[in-house]
Amino acid sequence: MDAFIFAMIGIFVILIGIAGYAGGFKSAGFAMAFLGLAGFLVTAMAYYSGYVSYSSALKQATSASQISMYQHNLSLNNFNGMLGLLFFGVMIVFGIAMYYLGWKEDKKIKNIGDN
């Protein structure tokens, strides 16, 4: 799951950069918030499915090595899932802040043009 999260982050950063280059803060902020929301939802689904599968496998494990392996996988899934959710949550907040800054800047430019 961690390689999947890093691949998504790389693709999202490229898309946010393209949006920022094309349209400034406002469009980059919108892209960041939108992609952050998409990443958050996909990471939440991957985290939940991993949690369910490792929990059920842990209940069915019989030997000590199986139990320790599934416990390790479950803790790794929890760590990666929480890290991904935290990252994409921060991405949403920064995206909204960037959109707000771009909106304020556009409003300021419009006011200067009216005078």
PDB file of N, CA and C in Angstrom:
ATOM      1  N   MET A   1       0.819  -1.197   0.000  1.00  0.00           N
ATOM      2  CA  MET A   1       0.000   0.000   0.000  1.00  0.00           C
ATOM      3  C   MET A   1       0.860   1.257   0.000  1.00  0.00           C
ATOM      4  N   ASP A   2       2.029   1.214   0.622  1.00  0.00           N
ATOM      5  CA  ASP A   2       2.857   2.419   0.688  1.00  0.00           C
ATOM      6  C   ASP A   2       3.376   2.823  -0.690  1.00  0.00           C
ATOM      7  N   ALA A   3       3.734   1.861  -1.534  1.00  0.00           N
ATOM      8  CA  ALA A   3       4.177   2.197  -2.892  1.00  0.00           C
ATOM      9  C   ALA A   3       3.027   2.820  -3.680  1.00  0.00           C
ATOM     10  N   PHE A   4       1.837   2.328  -3.463  1.00  0.00           N
ATOM     11  CA  PHE A   4       0.647   2.877  -4.112  1.00  0.00           C
ATOM     12  C   PHE A   4       0.424   4.330  -3.694  1.00  0.00           C
ATOM     13  N   ILE A   5       0.564   4.604  -2.395  1.00  0.00           N
ATOM     14  CA  ILE A   5       0.369   5.966  -1.894  1.00  0.00           C
ATOM     15  C   ILE A   5       1.419   6.899  -2.480  1.00  0.00           C
ATOM     16  N   PHE A   6       2.685   6.470  -2.525  1.00  0.00           N
ATOM     17  CA  PHE A   6       3.737   7.329  -3.067  1.00  0.00           C
ATOM     18  C   PHE A   6       3.551   7.575  -4.563  1.00  0.00           C
ATOM     19  N   ALA A   7       3.072   6.577  -5.291  1.00  0.00           N
ATOM     20  CA  ALA A   7       2.795   6.770  -6.720  1.00  0.00           C
ATOM     21  C   ALA A   7       1.674   7.789  -6.909  1.00  0.00           C
ATOM     22  N   MET A   8       0.634   7.701  -6.085  1.00  0.00           N
ATOM     23  CA  MET A   8      -0.461   8.675  -6.166  1.00  0.00           C
ATOM     24  C   MET A   8       0.034  10.073  -5.844  1.00  0.00           C
ATOM     25  N   ILE A   9       0.892  10.199  -4.835  1.00  0.00           N
ATOM     26  CA  ILE A   9       1.417  11.511  -4.464  1.00  0.00           C
ATOM     27  C   ILE A   9       2.210  12.108  -5.621  1.00  0.00           C
ATOM     28  N   GLY A  10       3.048  11.298  -6.267  1.00  0.00           N
ATOM     29  CA  GLY A  10       3.838  11.788  -7.394  1.00  0.00           C
ATOM     30  C   GLY A  10       2.971  12.271  -8.539  1.00  0.00           C
ATOM     31  N   ILE A  11       1.958  11.500  -8.885  1.00  0.00           N
ATOM     32  CA  ILE A  11       1.049  11.900  -9.968  1.00  0.00           C
ATOM     33  C   ILE A  11       0.300  13.172  -9.583  1.00  0.00           C
ATOM     34  N   PHE A  12      -0.152  13.260  -8.342  1.00  0.00           N
ATOM     35  CA  PHE A  12      -0.904  14.432  -7.903  1.00  0.00           C
ATOM     36  C   PHE A  12      -0.039  15.684  -7.916  1.00  0.00           C
ATOM     37  N   VAL A  13       1.220  15.562  -7.498  1.00  0.00           N
ATOM     38  CA  VAL A  13       2.110  16.726  -7.492  1.00  0.00           C
ATOM     39  C   VAL A  13       2.319  17.244  -8.911  1.00  0.00           C
ATOM     40  N   ILE A  14       2.487  16.346  -9.861  1.00  0.00           N
ATOM     41  CA  ILE A  14       2.643  16.756 -11.260  1.00  0.00           C
ATOM     42  C   ILE A  14       1.382  17.467 -11.753  1.00  0.00           C
ATOM     43  N   LEU A  15       0.209  16.914 -11.457  1.00  0.00           N
ATOM     44  CA  LEU A  15      -1.044  17.535 -11.895  1.00  0.00           C
ATOM     45  C   LEU A  15      -1.270  18.897 -11.240  1.00  0.00           C
ATOM     46  N   ILE A  16      -0.921  19.028  -9.958  1.00  0.00           N
ATOM     47  CA  ILE A  16      -1.066  20.312  -9.267  1.00  0.00           C
ATOM     48  C   ILE A  16      -0.116  21.339  -9.877  1.00  0.00           C
ATOM     49  N   GLY A  17       1.102  20.911 -10.208  1.00  0.00           N
ATOM     50  CA  GLY A  17       2.056  21.815 -10.853  1.00  0.00           C
ATOM     51  C   GLY A  17       1.559  22.304 -12.198  1.00  0.00           C
ATOM     52  N   ILE A  18       0.977  21.413 -12.985  1.00  0.00           N
ATOM     53  CA  ILE A  18       0.428  21.807 -14.290  1.00  0.00           C
ATOM     54  C   ILE A  18      -0.719  22.799 -14.100  1.00  0.00           C
ATOM     55  N   ALA A  19      -1.605  22.524 -13.149  1.00  0.00           N
ATOM     56  CA  ALA A  19      -2.731  23.431 -12.896  1.00  0.00           C
ATOM     57  C   ALA A  19      -2.242  24.786 -12.405  1.00  0.00           C
ATOM     58  N   GLY A  20      -1.235  24.798 -11.543  1.00  0.00           N
ATOM     59  CA  GLY A  20      -0.689  26.055 -11.039  1.00  0.00           C
ATOM     60  C   GLY A  20      -0.012  26.861 -12.126  1.00  0.00           C
ATOM     61  N   TYR A  21       0.699  26.187 -13.012  1.00  0.00           N
ATOM     62  CA  TYR A  21       1.367  26.877 -14.119  1.00  0.00           C
ATOM     63  C   TYR A  21       0.340  27.465 -15.076  1.00  0.00           C
ATOM     64  N   ALA A  22      -0.747  26.739 -15.297  1.00  0.00           N
ATOM     65  CA  ALA A  22      -1.757  27.190 -16.259  1.00  0.00           C
ATOM     66  C   ALA A  22      -2.644  28.293 -15.695  1.00  0.00           C
ATOM     67  N   GLY A  23      -2.993  28.219 -14.419  1.00  0.00           N
ATOM     68  CA  GLY A  23      -4.003  29.152 -13.923  1.00  0.00           C
ATOM     69  C   GLY A  23      -3.714  29.842 -12.611  1.00  0.00           C
ATOM     70  N   GLY A  24      -2.549  29.698 -12.040  1.00  0.00           N
ATOM     71  CA  GLY A  24      -2.226  30.394 -10.804  1.00  0.00           C
ATOM     72  C   GLY A  24      -2.724  29.686  -9.553  1.00  0.00           C
ATOM     73  N   PHE A  25      -2.745  30.456  -8.457  1.00  0.00           N
ATOM     74  CA  PHE A  25      -3.064  29.907  -7.138  1.00  0.00           C
ATOM     75  C   PHE A  25      -4.456  29.298  -7.068  1.00  0.00           C
ATOM     76  N   LYS A  26      -5.416  29.969  -7.704  1.00  0.00           N
ATOM     77  CA  LYS A  26      -6.805  29.527  -7.567  1.00  0.00           C
ATOM     78  C   LYS A  26      -6.997  28.127  -8.150  1.00  0.00           C
ATOM     79  N   SER A  27      -6.510  27.916  -9.361  1.00  0.00           N
ATOM     80  CA  SER A  27      -6.699  26.595  -9.978  1.00  0.00           C
ATOM     81  C   SER A  27      -5.802  25.548  -9.328  1.00  0.00           C
ATOM     82  N   ALA A  28      -4.600  25.948  -8.889  1.00  0.00           N
ATOM     83  CA  ALA A  28      -3.733  24.991  -8.195  1.00  0.00           C
ATOM     84  C   ALA A  28      -4.348  24.579  -6.866  1.00  0.00           C
ATOM     85  N   GLY A  29      -4.950  25.518  -6.162  1.00  0.00           N
ATOM     86  CA  GLY A  29      -5.619  25.200  -4.901  1.00  0.00           C
ATOM     87  C   GLY A  29      -6.802  24.278  -5.093  1.00  0.00           C
ATOM     88  N   PHE A  30      -7.582  24.538  -6.148  1.00  0.00           N
ATOM     89  CA  PHE A  30      -8.719  23.666  -6.443  1.00  0.00           C
ATOM     90  C   PHE A  30      -8.236  22.265  -6.781  1.00  0.00           C
ATOM     91  N   ALA A  31      -7.193  22.190  -7.625  1.00  0.00           N
ATOM     92  CA  ALA A  31      -6.650  20.879  -8.003  1.00  0.00           C
ATOM     93  C   ALA A  31      -6.111  20.150  -6.782  1.00  0.00           C
ATOM     94  N   MET A  32      -5.421  20.882  -5.899  1.00  0.00           N
ATOM     95  CA  MET A  32      -4.841  20.252  -4.714  1.00  0.00           C
ATOM     96  C   MET A  32      -5.936  19.726  -3.788  1.00  0.00           C
ATOM     97  N   ALA A  33      -6.976  20.517  -3.570  1.00  0.00           N
ATOM     98  CA  ALA A  33      -8.063  20.075  -2.690  1.00  0.00           C
ATOM     99  C   ALA A  33      -8.816  18.894  -3.299  1.00  0.00           C
ATOM    100  N   PHE A  34      -9.078  18.965  -4.593  1.00  0.00           N
ATOM    101  CA  PHE A  34      -9.820  17.897  -5.264  1.00  0.00           C
ATOM    102  C   PHE A  34      -9.019  16.600  -5.284  1.00  0.00           C
ATOM    103  N   LEU A  35      -7.737  16.683  -5.653  1.00  0.00           N
ATOM    104  CA  LEU A  35      -6.902  15.483  -5.689  1.00  0.00           C
ATOM    105  C   LEU A  35      -6.637  14.955  -4.279  1.00  0.00           C
ATOM    106  N   GLY A  36      -6.522  15.855  -3.302  1.00  0.00           N
ATOM    107  CA  GLY A  36      -6.370  15.425  -1.920  1.00  0.00           C
ATOM    108  C   GLY A  36      -7.578  14.645  -1.434  1.00  0.00           C
ATOM    109  N   LEU A  37      -8.764  15.104  -1.828  1.00  0.00           N
ATOM    110  CA  LEU A  37      -9.987  14.387  -1.465  1.00  0.00           C
ATOM    111  C   LEU A  37     -10.028  13.014  -2.127  1.00  0.00           C
ATOM    112  N   ALA A  38      -9.653  12.964  -3.410  1.00  0.00           N
ATOM    113  CA  ALA A  38      -9.621  11.675  -4.110  1.00  0.00           C
ATOM    114  C   ALA A  38      -8.620  10.731  -3.452  1.00  0.00           C
ATOM    115  N   GLY A  39      -7.426  11.231  -3.146  1.00  0.00           N
ATOM    116  CA  GLY A  39      -6.413  10.413  -2.483  1.00  0.00           C
ATOM    117  C   GLY A  39      -6.855   9.955  -1.109  1.00  0.00           C
ATOM    118  N   PHE A  40      -7.534  10.834  -0.378  1.00  0.00           N
ATOM    119  CA  PHE A  40      -8.033  10.498   0.951  1.00  0.00           C
ATOM    120  C   PHE A  40      -9.028   9.345   0.873  1.00  0.00           C
ATOM    121  N   LEU A  41      -9.954   9.433  -0.085  1.00  0.00           N
ATOM    122  CA  LEU A  41     -10.974   8.387  -0.212  1.00  0.00           C
ATOM    123  C   LEU A  41     -10.371   7.053  -0.643  1.00  0.00           C
ATOM    124  N   VAL A  42      -9.464   7.093  -1.617  1.00  0.00           N
ATOM    125  CA  VAL A  42      -8.841   5.848  -2.093  1.00  0.00           C
ATOM    126  C   VAL A  42      -7.983   5.227  -0.994  1.00  0.00           C
ATOM    127  N   THR A  43      -7.237   6.058  -0.265  1.00  0.00           N
ATOM    128  CA  THR A  43      -6.411   5.547   0.831  1.00  0.00           C
ATOM    129  C   THR A  43      -7.285   4.963   1.939  1.00  0.00           C
ATOM    130  N   ALA A  44      -8.400   5.613   2.226  1.00  0.00           N
ATOM    131  CA  ALA A  44      -9.312   5.089   3.252  1.00  0.00           C
ATOM    132  C   ALA A  44      -9.865   3.729   2.847  1.00  0.00           C
ATOM    133  N   MET A  45     -10.217   3.581   1.568  1.00  0.00           N
ATOM    134  CA  MET A  45     -10.733   2.285   1.105  1.00  0.00           C
ATOM    135  C   MET A  45      -9.652   1.205   1.167  1.00  0.00           C
ATOM    136  N   ALA A  46      -8.426   1.554   0.737  1.00  0.00           N
ATOM    137  CA  ALA A  46      -7.330   0.578   0.769  1.00  0.00           C
ATOM    138  C   ALA A  46      -6.984   0.203   2.208  1.00  0.00           C
ATOM    139  N   TYR A  47      -6.986   1.189   3.097  1.00  0.00           N
ATOM    140  CA  TYR A  47      -6.704   0.944   4.512  1.00  0.00           C
ATOM    141  C   TYR A  47      -7.762   0.019   5.116  1.00  0.00           C
ATOM    142  N   TYR A  48      -9.028   0.289   4.821  1.00  0.00           N
ATOM    143  CA  TYR A  48     -10.111  -0.519   5.380  1.00  0.00           C
ATOM    144  C   TYR A  48     -10.067  -1.951   4.856  1.00  0.00           C
ATOM    145  N   SER A  49      -9.831  -2.110   3.550  1.00  0.00           N
ATOM    146  CA  SER A  49      -9.792  -3.472   2.997  1.00  0.00           C
ATOM    147  C   SER A  49      -8.602  -4.249   3.552  1.00  0.00           C
ATOM    148  N   GLY A  50      -7.454  -3.582   3.722  1.00  0.00           N
ATOM    149  CA  GLY A  50      -6.302  -4.238   4.332  1.00  0.00           C
ATOM    150  C   GLY A  50      -6.573  -4.617   5.773  1.00  0.00           C
ATOM    151  N   TYR A  51      -7.240  -3.719   6.500  1.00  0.00           N
ATOM    152  CA  TYR A  51      -7.565  -3.992   7.898  1.00  0.00           C
ATOM    153  C   TYR A  51      -8.488  -5.200   8.018  1.00  0.00           C
ATOM    154  N   VAL A  52      -9.505  -5.251   7.168  1.00  0.00           N
ATOM    155  CA  VAL A  52     -10.460  -6.365   7.223  1.00  0.00           C
ATOM    156  C   VAL A  52      -9.778  -7.683   6.873  1.00  0.00           C
ATOM    157  N   SER A  53      -8.964  -7.687   5.810  1.00  0.00           N
ATOM    158  CA  SER A  53      -8.340  -8.949   5.389  1.00  0.00           C
ATOM    159  C   SER A  53      -7.307  -9.431   6.406  1.00  0.00           C
ATOM    160  N   TYR A  54      -6.484  -8.513   6.947  1.00  0.00           N
ATOM    161  CA  TYR A  54      -5.477  -8.939   7.927  1.00  0.00           C
ATOM    162  C   TYR A  54      -6.118  -9.342   9.246  1.00  0.00           C
ATOM    163  N   SER A  55      -7.205  -8.683   9.637  1.00  0.00           N
ATOM    164  CA  SER A  55      -7.886  -9.054  10.881  1.00  0.00           C
ATOM    165  C   SER A  55      -8.505 -10.443  10.778  1.00  0.00           C
ATOM    166  N   SER A  56      -9.146 -10.729   9.640  1.00  0.00           N
ATOM    167  CA  SER A  56      -9.753 -12.055   9.488  1.00  0.00           C
ATOM    168  C   SER A  56      -8.677 -13.137   9.371  1.00  0.00           C
ATOM    169  N   ALA A  57      -7.557 -12.820   8.714  1.00  0.00           N
ATOM    170  CA  ALA A  57      -6.463 -13.793   8.616  1.00  0.00           C
ATOM    171  C   ALA A  57      -5.842 -14.038   9.988  1.00  0.00           C
ATOM    172  N   LEU A  58      -5.768 -12.983  10.804  1.00  0.00           N
ATOM    173  CA  LEU A  58      -5.205 -13.128  12.152  1.00  0.00           C
ATOM    174  C   LEU A  58      -6.095 -14.012  13.021  1.00  0.00           C
ATOM    175  N   LYS A  59      -7.396 -13.920  12.857  1.00  0.00           N
ATOM    176  CA  LYS A  59      -8.315 -14.758  13.633  1.00  0.00           C
ATOM    177  C   LYS A  59      -8.198 -16.227  13.250  1.00  0.00           C
ATOM    178  N   GLN A  60      -7.863 -16.498  11.976  1.00  0.00           N
ATOM    179  CA  GLN A  60      -7.768 -17.877  11.500  1.00  0.00           C
ATOM    180  C   GLN A  60      -6.364 -18.459  11.643  1.00  0.00           C
ATOM    181  N   ALA A  61      -5.389 -17.630  12.023  1.00  0.00           N
ATOM    182  CA  ALA A  61      -4.006 -18.112  12.130  1.00  0.00           C
ATOM    183  C   ALA A  61      -3.886 -19.111  13.278  1.00  0.00           C
ATOM    184  N   THR A  62      -3.070 -20.140  13.047  1.00  0.00           N
ATOM    185  CA  THR A  62      -2.913 -21.184  14.061  1.00  0.00           C
ATOM    186  C   THR A  62      -1.519 -21.191  14.667  1.00  0.00           C
ATOM    187  N   SER A  63      -0.481 -21.071  13.866  1.00  0.00           N
ATOM    188  CA  SER A  63       0.882 -21.147  14.409  1.00  0.00           C
ATOM    189  C   SER A  63       1.350 -19.769  14.876  1.00  0.00           C
ATOM    190  N   ALA A  64       2.373 -19.792  15.714  1.00  0.00           N
ATOM    191  CA  ALA A  64       2.905 -18.541  16.263  1.00  0.00           C
ATOM    192  C   ALA A  64       3.530 -17.674  15.177  1.00  0.00           C
ATOM    193  N   SER A  65       4.165 -18.296  14.180  1.00  0.00           N
ATOM    194  CA  SER A  65       4.786 -17.508  13.108  1.00  0.00           C
ATOM    195  C   SER A  65       3.726 -16.822  12.247  1.00  0.00           C
ATOM    196  N   GLN A  66       2.616 -17.512  12.008  1.00  0.00           N
ATOM    197  CA  GLN A  66       1.521 -16.886  11.257  1.00  0.00           C
ATOM    198  C   GLN A  66       0.932 -15.713  12.032  1.00  0.00           C
ATOM    199  N   ILE A  67       0.741 -15.918  13.325  1.00  0.00           N
ATOM    200  CA  ILE A  67       0.167 -14.858  14.156  1.00  0.00           C
ATOM    201  C   ILE A  67       1.070 -13.634  14.156  1.00  0.00           C
ATOM    202  N   SER A  68       2.378 -13.832  14.340  1.00  0.00           N
ATOM    203  CA  SER A  68       3.287 -12.681  14.363  1.00  0.00           C
ATOM    204  C   SER A  68       3.359 -12.003  12.997  1.00  0.00           C
ATOM    205  N   MET A  69       3.306 -12.781  11.914  1.00  0.00           N
ATOM    206  CA  MET A  69       3.348 -12.197  10.571  1.00  0.00           C
ATOM    207  C   MET A  69       2.107 -11.342  10.319  1.00  0.00           C
ATOM    208  N   TYR A  70       0.928 -11.855  10.668  1.00  0.00           N
ATOM    209  CA  TYR A  70      -0.299 -11.092  10.430  1.00  0.00           C
ATOM    210  C   TYR A  70      -0.396  -9.881  11.355  1.00  0.00           C
ATOM    211  N   GLN A  71       0.129 -10.008  12.587  1.00  0.00           N
ATOM    212  CA  GLN A  71       0.155  -8.844  13.472  1.00  0.00           C
ATOM    213  C   GLN A  71       1.061  -7.758  12.906  1.00  0.00           C
ATOM    214  N   HIS A  72       2.214  -8.169  12.359  1.00  0.00           N
ATOM    215  CA  HIS A  72       3.132  -7.214  11.737  1.00  0.00           C
ATOM    216  C   HIS A  72       2.475  -6.550  10.528  1.00  0.00           C
ATOM    217  N   ASN A  73       1.827  -7.344   9.677  1.00  0.00           N
ATOM    218  CA  ASN A  73       1.154  -6.789   8.500  1.00  0.00           C
ATOM    219  C   ASN A  73       0.029  -5.836   8.891  1.00  0.00           C
ATOM    220  N   LEU A  74      -0.694  -6.187   9.945  1.00  0.00           N
ATOM    221  CA  LEU A  74      -1.790  -5.340  10.405  1.00  0.00           C
ATOM    222  C   LEU A  74      -1.259  -4.010  10.943  1.00  0.00           C
ATOM    223  N   SER A  75      -0.182  -4.055  11.728  1.00  0.00           N
ATOM    224  CA  SER A  75       0.373  -2.806  12.256  1.00  0.00           C
ATOM    225  C   SER A  75       0.973  -1.954  11.138  1.00  0.00           C
ATOM    226  N   LEU A  76       1.597  -2.592  10.151  1.00  0.00           N
ATOM    227  CA  LEU A  76       2.137  -1.858   9.001  1.00  0.00           C
ATOM    228  C   LEU A  76       1.007  -1.223   8.198  1.00  0.00           C
ATOM    229  N   ASN A  77      -0.075  -1.959   8.007  1.00  0.00           N
ATOM    230  CA  ASN A  77      -1.243  -1.420   7.300  1.00  0.00           C
ATOM    231  C   ASN A  77      -1.820  -0.226   8.054  1.00  0.00           C
ATOM    232  N   ASN A  78      -1.916  -0.328   9.380  1.00  0.00           N
ATOM    233  CA  ASN A  78      -2.440   0.778  10.182  1.00  0.00           C
ATOM    234  C   ASN A  78      -1.549   2.007  10.075  1.00  0.00           C
ATOM    235  N   PHE A  79      -0.229   1.806  10.160  1.00  0.00           N
ATOM    236  CA  PHE A  79       0.709   2.927  10.082  1.00  0.00           C
ATOM    237  C   PHE A  79       0.635   3.603   8.717  1.00  0.00           C
ATOM    238  N   ASN A  80       0.717   2.811   7.640  1.00  0.00           N
ATOM    239  CA  ASN A  80       0.672   3.380   6.291  1.00  0.00           C
ATOM    240  C   ASN A  80      -0.664   4.057   6.016  1.00  0.00           C
ATOM    241  N   GLY A  81      -1.737   3.445   6.466  1.00  0.00           N
ATOM    242  CA  GLY A  81      -3.056   4.033   6.251  1.00  0.00           C
ATOM    243  C   GLY A  81      -3.208   5.365   6.958  1.00  0.00           C
ATOM    244  N   MET A  82      -2.795   5.435   8.218  1.00  0.00           N
ATOM    245  CA  MET A  82      -2.906   6.688   8.960  1.00  0.00           C
ATOM    246  C   MET A  82      -1.990   7.762   8.380  1.00  0.00           C
ATOM    247  N   LEU A  83      -0.798   7.366   7.950  1.00  0.00           N
ATOM    248  CA  LEU A  83       0.128   8.317   7.329  1.00  0.00           C
ATOM    249  C   LEU A  83      -0.454   8.866   6.029  1.00  0.00           C
ATOM    250  N   GLY A  84      -1.027   7.991   5.214  1.00  0.00           N
ATOM    251  CA  GLY A  84      -1.649   8.432   3.966  1.00  0.00           C
ATOM    252  C   GLY A  84      -2.839   9.338   4.209  1.00  0.00           C
ATOM    253  N   LEU A  85      -3.685   8.978   5.167  1.00  0.00           N
ATOM    254  CA  LEU A  85      -4.852   9.805   5.475  1.00  0.00           C
ATOM    255  C   LEU A  85      -4.431  11.166   6.012  1.00  0.00           C
ATOM    256  N   LEU A  86      -3.389  11.194   6.840  1.00  0.00           N
ATOM    257  CA  LEU A  86      -2.880  12.461   7.359  1.00  0.00           C
ATOM    258  C   LEU A  86      -2.345  13.334   6.226  1.00  0.00           C
ATOM    259  N   PHE A  87      -1.556  12.731   5.326  1.00  0.00           N
ATOM    260  CA  PHE A  87      -0.984  13.493   4.219  1.00  0.00           C
ATOM    261  C   PHE A  87      -2.074  14.086   3.337  1.00  0.00           C
ATOM    262  N   PHE A  88      -3.048  13.258   2.952  1.00  0.00           N
ATOM    263  CA  PHE A  88      -4.087  13.755   2.055  1.00  0.00           C
ATOM    264  C   PHE A  88      -5.018  14.735   2.765  1.00  0.00           C
ATOM    265  N   GLY A  89      -5.207  14.585   4.072  1.00  0.00           N
ATOM    266  CA  GLY A  89      -5.977  15.573   4.829  1.00  0.00           C
ATOM    267  C   GLY A  89      -5.289  16.925   4.846  1.00  0.00           C
ATOM    268  N   VAL A  90      -3.969  16.922   5.056  1.00  0.00           N
ATOM    269  CA  VAL A  90      -3.192  18.167   5.006  1.00  0.00           C
ATOM    270  C   VAL A  90      -3.245  18.764   3.605  1.00  0.00           C
ATOM    271  N   MET A  91      -3.208  17.898   2.595  1.00  0.00           N
ATOM    272  CA  MET A  91      -3.284  18.358   1.207  1.00  0.00           C
ATOM    273  C   MET A  91      -4.612  19.068   0.942  1.00  0.00           C
ATOM    274  N   ILE A  92      -5.694  18.553   1.480  1.00  0.00           N
ATOM    275  CA  ILE A  92      -7.006  19.194   1.320  1.00  0.00           C
ATOM    276  C   ILE A  92      -6.997  20.576   1.973  1.00  0.00           C
ATOM    277  N   VAL A  93      -6.466  20.666   3.194  1.00  0.00           N
ATOM    278  CA  VAL A  93      -6.435  21.942   3.913  1.00  0.00           C
ATOM    279  C   VAL A  93      -5.586  22.965   3.161  1.00  0.00           C
ATOM    280  N   PHE A  94      -4.401  22.561   2.694  1.00  0.00           N
ATOM    281  CA  PHE A  94      -3.548  23.482   1.947  1.00  0.00           C
ATOM    282  C   PHE A  94      -4.192  23.878   0.622  1.00  0.00           C
ATOM    283  N   GLY A  95      -4.890  22.949  -0.017  1.00  0.00           N
ATOM    284  CA  GLY A  95      -5.576  23.267  -1.263  1.00  0.00           C
ATOM    285  C   GLY A  95      -6.652  24.319  -1.066  1.00  0.00           C
ATOM    286  N   ILE A  96      -7.426  24.180   0.008  1.00  0.00           N
ATOM    287  CA  ILE A  96      -8.467  25.174   0.304  1.00  0.00           C
ATOM    288  C   ILE A  96      -7.823  26.523   0.613  1.00  0.00           C
ATOM    289  N   ALA A  97      -6.711  26.513   1.362  1.00  0.00           N
ATOM    290  CA  ALA A  97      -6.010  27.764   1.675  1.00  0.00           C
ATOM    291  C   ALA A  97      -5.455  28.415   0.408  1.00  0.00           C
ATOM    292  N   MET A  98      -4.880  27.621  -0.495  1.00  0.00           N
ATOM    293  CA  MET A  98      -4.359  28.169  -1.747  1.00  0.00           C
ATOM    294  C   MET A  98      -5.483  28.737  -2.599  1.00  0.00           C
ATOM    295  N   TYR A  99      -6.606  28.045  -2.652  1.00  0.00           N
ATOM    296  CA  TYR A  99      -7.749  28.545  -3.422  1.00  0.00           C
ATOM    297  C   TYR A  99      -8.219  29.880  -2.853  1.00  0.00           C
ATOM    298  N   TYR A 100      -8.269  29.967  -1.524  1.00  0.00           N
ATOM    299  CA  TYR A 100      -8.692  31.213  -0.875  1.00  0.00           C
ATOM    300  C   TYR A 100      -7.724  32.345  -1.186  1.00  0.00           C
ATOM    301  N   LEU A 101      -6.418  32.062  -1.126  1.00  0.00           N
ATOM    302  CA  LEU A 101      -5.422  33.090  -1.458  1.00  0.00           C
ATOM    303  C   LEU A 101      -5.559  33.542  -2.906  1.00  0.00           C
ATOM    304  N   GLY A 102      -5.762  32.608  -3.814  1.00  0.00           N
ATOM    305  CA  GLY A 102      -5.955  32.962  -5.219  1.00  0.00           C
ATOM    306  C   GLY A 102      -7.215  33.766  -5.433  1.00  0.00           C
ATOM    307  N   TRP A 103      -8.277  33.414  -4.710  1.00  0.00           N
ATOM    308  CA  TRP A 103      -9.532  34.157  -4.815  1.00  0.00           C
ATOM    309  C   TRP A 103      -9.353  35.584  -4.309  1.00  0.00           C
ATOM    310  N   LYS A 104      -8.627  35.754  -3.175  1.00  0.00           N
ATOM    311  CA  LYS A 104      -8.359  37.091  -2.640  1.00  0.00           C
ATOM    312  C   LYS A 104      -7.519  37.907  -3.614  1.00  0.00           C
ATOM    313  N   GLU A 105      -6.524  37.263  -4.226  1.00  0.00           N
ATOM    314  CA  GLU A 105      -5.653  37.945  -5.182  1.00  0.00           C
ATOM    315  C   GLU A 105      -6.441  38.380  -6.420  1.00  0.00           C
ATOM    316  N   ASP A 106      -7.310  37.510  -6.913  1.00  0.00           N
ATOM    317  CA  ASP A 106      -8.151  37.869  -8.064  1.00  0.00           C
ATOM    318  C   ASP A 106      -9.075  39.032  -7.729  1.00  0.00           C
ATOM    319  N   LYS A 107      -9.610  39.027  -6.516  1.00  0.00           N
ATOM    320  CA  LYS A 107     -10.494  40.106  -6.081  1.00  0.00           C
ATOM    321  C   LYS A 107      -9.726  41.423  -6.003  1.00  0.00           C
ATOM    322  N   LYS A 108      -8.486  41.365  -5.494  1.00  0.00           N
ATOM    323  CA  LYS A 108      -7.650  42.555  -5.386  1.00  0.00           C
ATOM    324  C   LYS A 108      -7.323  43.106  -6.777  1.00  0.00           C
ATOM    325  N   ILE A 109      -6.994  42.224  -7.712  1.00  0.00           N
ATOM    326  CA  ILE A 109      -6.670  42.649  -9.074  1.00  0.00           C
ATOM    327  C   ILE A 109      -7.905  43.266  -9.737  1.00  0.00           C
ATOM    328  N   LYS A 110      -9.072  42.696  -9.492  1.00  0.00           N
ATOM    329  CA  LYS A 110     -10.315  43.226 -10.060  1.00  0.00           C
ATOM    330  C   LYS A 110     -10.600  44.622  -9.506  1.00  0.00           C
ATOM    331  N   ASN A 111     -10.350  44.818  -8.207  1.00  0.00           N
ATOM    332  CA  ASN A 111     -10.579  46.125  -7.590  1.00  0.00           C
ATOM    333  C   ASN A 111      -9.628  47.168  -8.148  1.00  0.00           C
ATOM    334  N   ILE A 112      -8.385  46.787  -8.410  1.00  0.00           N
ATOM    335  CA  ILE A 112      -7.419  47.723  -8.990  1.00  0.00           C
ATOM    336  C   ILE A 112      -7.863  48.113 -10.400  1.00  0.00           C
ATOM    337  N   GLY A 113      -8.375  47.154 -11.150  1.00  0.00           N
ATOM    338  CA  GLY A 113      -8.831  47.436 -12.514  1.00  0.00           C
ATOM    339  C   GLY A 113     -10.043  48.348 -12.546  1.00  0.00           C
ATOM    340  N   ASP A 114     -10.885  48.302 -11.524  1.00  0.00           N
ATOM    341  CA  ASP A 114     -12.087  49.141 -11.498  1.00  0.00           C
ATOM    342  C   ASP A 114     -11.761  50.598 -11.219  1.00  0.00           C
ATOM    343  N   ASN A 115     -10.673  50.867 -10.514  1.00  0.00           N
ATOM    344  CA  ASN A 115     -10.333  52.253 -10.138  1.00  0.00           C
ATOM    345  C   ASN A 115      -9.768  53.035 -11.286  1.00  0.00           C
TER     346      ASN A 115
END
